[in-house]
Amino acid sequence: MNIPQLFKLQKDSSIMKYSVLFIISLFAMTGYSQNGQERGTLEPVDSFPMDCGAILKVVELDDNNWSGLADRVEEVFKEGDQNKLSSLDRLFSRMMIYECEPFDDLVTKEEKIRIYQILELNLLLEGNQTRANDFTSAILLLKPEFEVDTSTGAIEPFNQWKTFRKWPYMSVSFFGGINQVFYESMQLYGIENTERQSLNTSSVVRYQTGVGVQLPIWITQKEYAYFSILEWYFEASISSHSYNLKQKLQTSAQEDFLFSELRFRESQLWANVSTGIQWNMLAPSKHHHPKWVPYLALGVGGGYLSGATLNELARINTQIQSIEANDKDILSNRRQINYGITAGGGLKRKWGRNYIALEARYFWILNNISDPVTRYDNKELLYDFGYVSNDFRQHHVMLNLRYTLNLFKPKKLFIDQ
């Protein structure tokens, strides 16, 4: 045999060797036997996408007869057919990973919970705690407020559900409403004799909107119901506030001898944050679920004043011609960063798995909103209108409609003994 023939033989042998290895590897990965059935390391239900019809075949129902599935699963459980129950366990566990549109669309939430309860109880009776946890979580995802029925006398579900978190791990709320601001004078200022000045203010209804986050910090258990007594909250909002002011200088105690009057409406735009504790005052029990739950809130807050404008500004004088103007920016005469105390309360009502509430909130700004450093900087307001900013605080009273979205994530709290 010459060298070219030897090289060709070696080359053919290498090709054949790698071809055989490839075919062997291919069969090893697919895991098929001679009869065409799967032989992989996983069970058939875990190897390929979900076959929804297999569920109906196990319980011997006709195709698309999903309405009778819950009753049939209960019959299989009463019959004690462990082969069918094991198949259902594996199929429904698979369905939690892959979607099954007929089951999702044609089976009601109550029937799904009923099926999961049966499979959960069967696994608990078998001592398969790990697989039972999956069905407990599935029930809680469908109905977080689900309560165990103790009338059956079975202790296994009760012990199982004691080990799971059934309350919201977090709540997100959206709120909006109206407000009024109340002006608190600390010290009057002006170009005139302030000892003879009088001040009148009135509030203007404006609006606010915001979002908040609540985290439970104290949970209580009433029979089988869990309730959050104390919650930590953090809120952020945008609010518009406005008030009318009239500052008068009189030559005598009689208002008829009015010398001059400064009047304006101040409009403000605020960005606010607050944090504190909310106390839910009335917890539900096994036999009493109050429709309305009162709550109180207390905390601290801060406000960033992003805009301040004087509208309908006028200096009315009995001796000289009156001066009027509109939209005069006054932000430079205000402290933009402010702080205070927040308090409030309300009534909330369960709406599905969430809450809707009507509440009142109060924000008392502790610092002087007027900036003394820039009090006389606005020359136009000073000389044309005789305006000098007073020292003052504000009180914000708000009425909100709040929608709270409860976020649930079932969690095993501790290892079963």
Protein backbone atom coordinates (compact mmCIF):
# COMPACT_ATOMS: atom_id res chain seq x y z
CA MET A 1 0.00 0.00 0.00
CA ASN A 2 1.45 3.28 -1.08
CA ILE A 3 1.42 6.46 1.00
CA PRO A 4 -1.55 8.18 -0.78
CA GLN A 5 -3.69 5.04 -0.27
CA LEU A 6 -2.65 4.83 3.42
CA PHE A 7 -3.49 8.51 3.93
CA LYS A 8 -6.89 8.05 2.28
CA LEU A 9 -7.66 5.03 4.51
CA GLN A 10 -6.70 6.94 7.65
CA LYS A 11 -8.81 9.86 6.55
CA ASP A 12 -11.83 7.61 5.84
CA SER A 13 -11.38 5.91 9.24
CA SER A 14 -11.36 9.28 11.04
CA ILE A 15 -14.51 10.39 9.24
CA MET A 16 -16.23 7.11 10.10
CA LYS A 17 -15.11 7.32 13.76
CA TYR A 18 -16.45 10.85 14.23
CA SER A 19 -19.65 10.01 12.40
CA VAL A 20 -20.33 7.08 14.73
CA LEU A 21 -19.60 9.22 17.80
CA PHE A 22 -21.98 11.90 16.54
CA ILE A 23 -24.81 9.41 15.97
CA ILE A 24 -24.29 7.88 19.44
CA SER A 25 -24.32 11.30 21.05
CA LEU A 26 -27.47 12.25 19.18
CA PHE A 27 -29.33 9.17 20.42
CA ALA A 28 -28.05 9.72 23.93
CA MET A 29 -29.40 13.27 23.98
CA THR A 30 -32.81 12.44 22.52
CA GLY A 31 -33.20 9.40 24.80
CA TYR A 32 -35.46 7.39 22.50
CA SER A 33 -35.96 3.64 22.83
CA GLN A 34 -36.95 1.21 20.12
CA ASN A 35 -40.67 1.60 20.84
CA GLY A 36 -40.50 5.36 20.31
CA GLN A 37 -41.00 6.31 23.99
CA GLU A 38 -38.86 8.84 25.85
CA ARG A 39 -36.03 7.53 27.97
CA GLY A 40 -34.32 10.73 29.17
CA THR A 41 -33.29 11.29 32.74
CA LEU A 42 -36.54 13.29 33.39
CA GLU A 43 -40.08 12.02 33.54
CA PRO A 44 -42.09 12.32 30.32
CA VAL A 45 -44.12 15.24 31.71
CA ASP A 46 -40.92 17.15 32.47
CA SER A 47 -39.20 16.61 29.12
CA PHE A 48 -41.42 18.33 26.57
CA PRO A 49 -43.84 21.28 26.48
CA MET A 50 -47.17 20.96 28.29
CA ASP A 51 -49.84 18.69 26.81
CA CYS A 52 -53.05 20.09 28.32
CA GLY A 53 -55.15 17.26 27.02
CA ALA A 54 -53.16 14.78 29.13
CA ILE A 55 -54.89 16.14 32.26
CA LEU A 56 -58.33 15.28 30.91
CA LYS A 57 -57.15 11.84 29.79
CA VAL A 58 -55.87 10.98 33.27
CA VAL A 59 -59.28 11.68 34.86
CA GLU A 60 -61.10 10.12 31.87
CA LEU A 61 -62.89 13.23 30.65
CA ASP A 62 -63.78 14.09 27.07
CA ASP A 63 -61.71 16.62 25.18
CA ASN A 64 -62.38 20.24 26.21
CA ASN A 65 -64.60 19.17 29.12
CA TRP A 66 -62.75 21.47 31.53
CA SER A 67 -65.90 22.43 33.42
CA GLY A 68 -66.06 19.03 35.12
CA LEU A 69 -62.36 18.80 35.99
CA ALA A 70 -62.61 19.83 39.66
CA ASP A 71 -65.41 17.34 40.39
CA ARG A 72 -63.54 14.56 38.64
CA VAL A 73 -60.28 15.26 40.52
CA GLU A 74 -62.21 15.10 43.79
CA GLU A 75 -63.70 11.74 42.76
CA VAL A 76 -60.24 10.38 41.96
CA PHE A 77 -59.04 11.49 45.40
CA LYS A 78 -61.99 9.80 47.13
CA GLU A 79 -61.35 6.64 45.14
CA GLY A 80 -57.77 6.65 46.39
CA ASP A 81 -56.29 6.05 42.94
CA GLN A 82 -52.67 7.00 43.67
CA ASN A 83 -51.50 6.35 40.13
CA LYS A 84 -53.88 8.97 38.74
CA LEU A 85 -53.16 11.35 41.61
CA SER A 86 -49.42 11.04 41.00
CA SER A 87 -49.94 11.74 37.31
CA LEU A 88 -52.09 14.77 38.14
CA ASP A 89 -49.46 15.99 40.58
CA ARG A 90 -46.76 15.87 37.91
CA LEU A 91 -48.99 17.38 35.21
CA PHE A 92 -50.15 20.31 37.33
CA SER A 93 -46.62 20.92 38.58
CA ARG A 94 -45.58 21.11 34.94
CA MET A 95 -48.44 23.46 34.19
CA MET A 96 -47.10 25.92 36.77
CA ILE A 97 -44.07 26.35 34.48
CA TYR A 98 -45.67 26.14 31.05
CA GLU A 99 -48.95 27.87 30.17
CA CYS A 100 -52.08 25.85 29.52
CA GLU A 101 -54.56 28.18 27.86
CA PRO A 102 -57.66 25.93 28.15
CA PHE A 103 -57.08 25.53 31.91
CA ASP A 104 -56.37 29.23 32.38
CA ASP A 105 -59.39 30.37 30.37
CA LEU A 106 -62.07 27.72 31.01
CA VAL A 107 -61.53 26.79 34.66
CA THR A 108 -62.70 29.31 37.26
CA LYS A 109 -60.47 30.57 40.06
CA GLU A 110 -62.57 28.73 42.65
CA GLU A 111 -62.23 25.43 40.76
CA LYS A 112 -58.47 25.91 40.42
CA ILE A 113 -58.15 26.48 44.17
CA ARG A 114 -60.28 23.39 44.83
CA ILE A 115 -58.06 21.24 42.59
CA TYR A 116 -54.86 22.56 44.18
CA GLN A 117 -56.30 21.90 47.66
CA ILE A 118 -56.99 18.28 46.81
CA LEU A 119 -53.52 17.71 45.39
CA GLU A 120 -51.95 19.57 48.32
CA LEU A 121 -53.81 17.40 50.86
CA ASN A 122 -52.88 14.20 49.02
CA LEU A 123 -49.20 15.13 49.05
CA LEU A 124 -49.36 16.05 52.75
CA LEU A 125 -50.92 12.68 53.54
CA GLU A 126 -48.13 11.03 51.59
CA GLY A 127 -45.54 13.06 53.54
CA ASN A 128 -44.29 14.85 50.45
CA GLN A 129 -43.95 18.29 52.04
CA THR A 130 -41.81 19.82 49.28
CA ARG A 131 -44.30 19.18 46.49
CA ALA A 132 -47.20 20.25 48.72
CA ASN A 133 -45.52 23.63 49.17
CA ASP A 134 -45.85 24.28 45.43
CA PHE A 135 -49.62 23.88 45.53
CA THR A 136 -49.93 25.96 48.70
CA SER A 137 -48.07 28.76 46.93
CA ALA A 138 -50.30 28.38 43.86
CA ILE A 139 -53.43 28.77 46.02
CA LEU A 140 -52.05 31.87 47.71
CA LEU A 141 -51.16 33.44 44.38
CA LEU A 142 -54.77 33.01 43.28
CA LYS A 143 -56.32 34.06 46.60
CA PRO A 144 -53.91 35.54 49.16
CA GLU A 145 -56.71 35.96 51.73
CA PHE A 146 -57.60 32.25 51.52
CA GLU A 147 -58.48 30.70 54.89
CA VAL A 148 -58.21 27.02 55.79
CA ASP A 149 -61.50 25.19 56.31
CA THR A 150 -61.16 23.42 59.67
CA SER A 151 -64.61 21.81 59.53
CA THR A 152 -63.11 18.70 57.91
CA GLY A 153 -61.07 17.98 61.03
CA ALA A 154 -57.89 17.43 59.01
CA ILE A 155 -54.86 18.78 60.85
CA GLU A 156 -52.43 18.52 57.93
CA PRO A 157 -53.62 21.63 55.99
CA PHE A 158 -53.70 23.70 59.17
CA ASN A 159 -50.11 22.81 60.06
CA GLN A 160 -49.08 23.43 56.46
CA TRP A 161 -50.63 26.89 56.21
CA LYS A 162 -49.14 28.02 59.51
CA THR A 163 -45.72 27.87 57.86
CA PHE A 164 -46.54 30.25 54.97
CA ARG A 165 -46.59 34.03 54.70
CA LYS A 166 -50.09 35.05 53.66
CA TRP A 167 -49.94 38.82 54.06
CA PRO A 168 -48.65 41.37 51.52
CA TYR A 169 -44.89 41.76 51.60
CA MET A 170 -45.35 45.29 50.27
CA SER A 171 -48.12 47.65 49.24
CA VAL A 172 -48.04 50.41 46.64
CA SER A 173 -50.62 53.17 46.86
CA PHE A 174 -51.73 55.91 44.50
CA PHE A 175 -53.57 58.92 45.82
CA GLY A 176 -54.90 62.29 44.81
CA GLY A 177 -57.19 64.96 46.15
CA ILE A 178 -57.70 68.53 47.17
CA ASN A 179 -56.02 70.74 49.75
CA GLN A 180 -56.09 74.06 51.51
CA VAL A 181 -53.18 76.01 52.97
CA PHE A 182 -53.43 78.05 56.14
CA TYR A 183 -51.08 81.01 56.60
CA GLU A 184 -49.44 81.47 60.03
CA SER A 185 -47.88 84.92 60.47
CA MET A 186 -44.71 85.02 62.57
CA GLN A 187 -43.57 88.62 62.01
CA LEU A 188 -44.94 91.40 59.80
CA TYR A 189 -42.60 93.40 57.57
CA GLY A 190 -43.12 96.39 55.27
CA ILE A 191 -42.03 99.89 54.34
CA GLU A 192 -44.76 101.33 56.54
CA ASN A 193 -45.44 101.34 60.27
CA THR A 194 -46.07 97.66 60.95
CA GLU A 195 -47.53 98.35 64.39
CA ARG A 196 -50.70 99.68 62.72
CA GLN A 197 -50.91 96.93 60.12
CA SER A 198 -53.54 94.23 60.08
CA LEU A 199 -53.36 90.96 58.16
CA ASN A 200 -56.15 88.90 56.65
CA THR A 201 -55.62 85.66 54.77
CA SER A 202 -57.93 83.13 53.14
CA SER A 203 -57.29 79.71 51.68
CA VAL A 204 -57.77 78.60 48.10
CA VAL A 205 -58.65 75.02 47.20
CA ARG A 206 -55.94 73.35 45.13
CA TYR A 207 -54.85 69.76 44.40
CA GLN A 208 -52.16 67.14 44.97
CA THR A 209 -51.26 63.69 43.66
CA GLY A 210 -48.67 61.14 44.66
CA VAL A 211 -47.54 57.57 45.22
CA GLY A 212 -46.57 55.69 48.37
CA VAL A 213 -45.01 52.43 49.54
CA GLN A 214 -45.97 50.55 52.71
CA LEU A 215 -44.08 47.72 54.41
CA PRO A 216 -45.59 45.69 57.29
CA ILE A 217 -43.60 45.78 60.53
CA TRP A 218 -46.07 44.20 62.96
CA ILE A 219 -48.32 41.33 61.91
CA THR A 220 -51.03 39.83 64.10
CA GLN A 221 -52.94 36.58 63.62
CA LYS A 222 -56.64 36.27 64.29
CA GLU A 223 -57.54 32.58 64.03
CA TYR A 224 -56.42 31.92 60.44
CA ALA A 225 -56.47 35.51 59.20
CA TYR A 226 -53.36 37.68 59.23
CA PHE A 227 -53.47 41.44 59.58
CA SER A 228 -50.88 44.19 59.48
CA ILE A 229 -51.18 46.34 62.63
CA LEU A 230 -48.22 48.67 62.05
CA GLU A 231 -46.78 49.67 58.68
CA TRP A 232 -43.87 51.85 57.67
CA TYR A 233 -44.68 54.15 54.80
CA PHE A 234 -42.81 56.39 52.40
CA GLU A 235 -44.63 58.79 50.11
CA ALA A 236 -43.75 61.23 47.37
CA SER A 237 -46.17 63.77 45.95
CA ILE A 238 -46.57 66.90 43.88
CA SER A 239 -48.91 69.55 45.24
CA SER A 240 -50.20 72.98 44.31
CA HIS A 241 -51.08 75.44 47.08
CA SER A 242 -52.51 78.94 47.08
CA TYR A 243 -53.77 81.59 49.49
CA ASN A 244 -55.06 85.18 49.42
CA LEU A 245 -53.46 87.88 51.56
CA LYS A 246 -54.53 91.41 52.46
CA GLN A 247 -52.18 93.57 54.52
CA LYS A 248 -53.61 96.93 55.58
CA LEU A 249 -52.15 100.06 57.14
CA GLN A 250 -54.60 102.26 59.05
CA THR A 251 -54.18 105.81 60.38
CA SER A 252 -56.58 105.05 63.23
CA ALA A 253 -58.49 102.24 64.79
CA GLN A 254 -61.36 102.88 62.43
CA GLU A 255 -61.26 101.07 59.10
CA ASP A 256 -62.77 104.09 57.34
CA PHE A 257 -59.45 105.90 57.64
CA LEU A 258 -57.63 103.32 55.53
CA PHE A 259 -54.31 104.60 54.27
CA SER A 260 -53.11 101.75 52.06
CA GLU A 261 -53.66 98.09 51.36
CA LEU A 262 -51.44 95.40 49.79
CA ARG A 263 -53.26 92.41 48.37
CA PHE A 264 -52.23 89.42 46.31
CA ARG A 265 -52.75 85.71 45.73
CA GLU A 266 -49.65 83.54 46.07
CA SER A 267 -49.54 80.29 44.06
CA GLN A 268 -46.97 77.64 44.90
CA LEU A 269 -45.79 74.35 43.46
CA TRP A 270 -44.27 71.79 45.85
CA ALA A 271 -42.50 68.44 45.62
CA ASN A 272 -42.98 66.55 48.89
CA VAL A 273 -41.68 63.44 50.61
CA SER A 274 -42.75 61.97 53.93
CA THR A 275 -42.12 58.86 56.00
CA GLY A 276 -43.64 57.50 59.17
CA ILE A 277 -45.77 54.83 60.84
CA GLN A 278 -49.35 53.88 60.05
CA TRP A 279 -51.50 52.16 62.69
CA ASN A 280 -54.39 50.04 61.42
CA MET A 281 -56.79 50.13 64.34
CA LEU A 282 -59.33 47.37 63.73
CA ALA A 283 -58.10 43.87 62.88
CA PRO A 284 -60.42 41.23 61.37
CA SER A 285 -61.17 37.98 63.14
CA LYS A 286 -62.45 34.60 62.03
CA HIS A 287 -66.09 35.58 62.55
CA HIS A 288 -65.89 39.31 61.97
CA HIS A 289 -64.42 41.04 58.96
CA PRO A 290 -65.07 44.80 59.24
CA LYS A 291 -65.98 46.50 55.99
CA TRP A 292 -64.14 49.67 56.96
CA VAL A 293 -60.83 49.73 58.82
CA PRO A 294 -59.82 53.03 60.47
CA TYR A 295 -56.15 53.98 60.58
CA LEU A 296 -53.89 56.73 61.90
CA ALA A 297 -50.55 57.93 60.53
CA LEU A 298 -47.74 59.98 62.03
CA GLY A 299 -44.41 60.94 60.52
CA VAL A 300 -42.03 63.59 59.29
CA GLY A 301 -41.84 65.24 55.92
CA GLY A 302 -39.98 67.61 53.70
CA GLY A 303 -41.08 69.89 50.92
CA TYR A 304 -39.18 71.43 48.04
CA LEU A 305 -40.77 74.69 46.91
CA SER A 306 -40.14 74.73 43.16
CA GLY A 307 -42.32 77.66 42.22
CA ALA A 308 -43.91 80.71 43.87
CA THR A 309 -45.80 83.45 42.03
CA LEU A 310 -47.80 86.47 43.13
CA ASN A 311 -51.05 86.82 41.18
CA GLU A 312 -53.59 89.65 41.30
CA LEU A 313 -50.99 91.83 43.02
CA ALA A 314 -52.22 95.33 43.89
CA ARG A 315 -51.24 98.28 46.08
CA ILE A 316 -54.33 100.34 46.84
CA ASN A 317 -53.60 103.79 48.27
CA THR A 318 -56.06 106.50 49.30
CA GLN A 319 -53.66 109.30 48.35
CA ILE A 320 -51.97 108.14 45.15
CA GLN A 321 -52.96 106.04 42.15
CA SER A 322 -53.29 102.32 42.79
CA ILE A 323 -50.86 99.90 41.13
CA GLU A 324 -51.77 96.43 39.86
CA ALA A 325 -49.75 93.59 38.33
CA ASN A 326 -49.89 89.85 37.75
CA ASP A 327 -47.52 86.85 37.70
CA LYS A 328 -44.63 88.24 39.70
CA ASP A 329 -42.04 85.57 40.52
CA ILE A 330 -41.40 85.51 44.28
CA LEU A 331 -39.38 82.28 44.54
CA SER A 332 -36.15 84.16 45.35
CA ASN A 333 -37.78 85.42 48.55
CA ARG A 334 -38.71 81.90 49.73
CA ARG A 335 -36.83 79.05 51.34
CA GLN A 336 -37.03 76.20 48.88
CA ILE A 337 -36.20 73.38 51.29
CA ASN A 338 -38.70 73.07 54.13
CA TYR A 339 -39.48 70.45 56.78
CA GLY A 340 -42.27 69.58 59.17
CA ILE A 341 -44.51 67.02 60.84
CA THR A 342 -47.18 64.97 59.09
CA ALA A 343 -50.24 63.38 60.63
CA GLY A 344 -53.52 62.00 59.41
CA GLY A 345 -56.06 59.24 59.39
CA GLY A 346 -58.70 57.62 57.29
CA LEU A 347 -60.97 54.71 56.57
CA LYS A 348 -60.01 51.94 54.17
CA ARG A 349 -62.15 49.21 52.70
CA LYS A 350 -61.12 45.91 51.16
CA TRP A 351 -61.66 45.85 47.40
CA GLY A 352 -60.76 42.42 46.08
CA ARG A 353 -57.25 41.82 47.35
CA ASN A 354 -56.53 45.56 47.51
CA TYR A 355 -57.81 48.59 49.46
CA ILE A 356 -59.58 51.82 48.65
CA ALA A 357 -59.47 54.57 51.27
CA LEU A 358 -60.67 58.06 52.07
CA GLU A 359 -58.23 59.96 54.25
CA ALA A 360 -57.24 63.35 55.62
CA ARG A 361 -53.60 64.42 55.97
CA TYR A 362 -51.96 67.38 57.70
CA PHE A 363 -48.49 68.81 57.06
CA TRP A 364 -47.26 71.40 59.53
CA ILE A 365 -44.20 73.22 58.18
CA LEU A 366 -41.98 74.09 61.14
CA ASN A 367 -39.54 76.52 59.57
CA ASN A 368 -39.99 80.08 58.34
CA ILE A 369 -40.79 79.88 54.62
CA SER A 370 -39.63 83.44 53.96
CA ASP A 371 -35.90 83.79 53.33
CA PRO A 372 -34.61 86.68 55.49
CA VAL A 373 -31.40 86.97 53.48
CA THR A 374 -33.23 87.93 50.28
CA ARG A 375 -36.15 89.76 51.91
CA TYR A 376 -35.34 93.12 50.25
CA ASP A 377 -33.70 91.85 47.03
CA ASN A 378 -36.70 92.20 44.71
CA LYS A 379 -36.47 95.94 43.95
CA GLU A 380 -39.55 96.04 41.71
CA LEU A 381 -41.81 94.65 44.42
CA LEU A 382 -40.12 96.78 47.05
CA TYR A 383 -40.34 100.20 45.32
CA ASP A 384 -43.42 99.82 43.12
CA PHE A 385 -45.64 97.91 45.53
CA GLY A 386 -43.98 98.41 48.90
CA TYR A 387 -43.89 94.62 49.31
CA VAL A 388 -41.58 93.03 51.88
CA SER A 389 -42.05 89.35 52.65
CA ASN A 390 -43.35 88.60 56.14
CA ASP A 391 -42.00 85.76 58.26
CA PHE A 392 -44.60 83.00 58.07
CA ARG A 393 -45.27 79.28 58.20
CA GLN A 394 -47.84 77.21 56.33
CA HIS A 395 -50.22 74.45 57.36
CA HIS A 396 -51.34 72.10 54.58
CA VAL A 397 -54.61 70.21 55.05
CA MET A 398 -55.31 67.56 52.43
CA LEU A 399 -58.21 65.25 51.59
CA ASN A 400 -57.23 62.21 49.51
CA LEU A 401 -58.80 59.28 47.75
CA ARG A 402 -56.27 56.44 47.92
CA TYR A 403 -56.01 53.12 46.10
CA THR A 404 -53.61 50.61 47.64
CA LEU A 405 -52.30 47.72 45.58
CA ASN A 406 -51.25 44.80 47.80
CA LEU A 407 -48.34 42.76 46.45
CA PHE A 408 -48.29 39.12 47.51
CA LYS A 409 -45.46 36.63 47.23
CA PRO A 410 -46.12 33.38 49.13
CA LYS A 411 -43.11 32.39 51.16
CA LYS A 412 -42.19 29.51 53.42
CA LEU A 413 -41.47 31.14 56.75
CA PHE A 414 -39.71 28.26 58.48
CA ILE A 415 -38.80 24.63 58.01
CA ASP A 416 -41.44 22.12 59.04
CA GLN A 417 -40.67 20.10 62.13
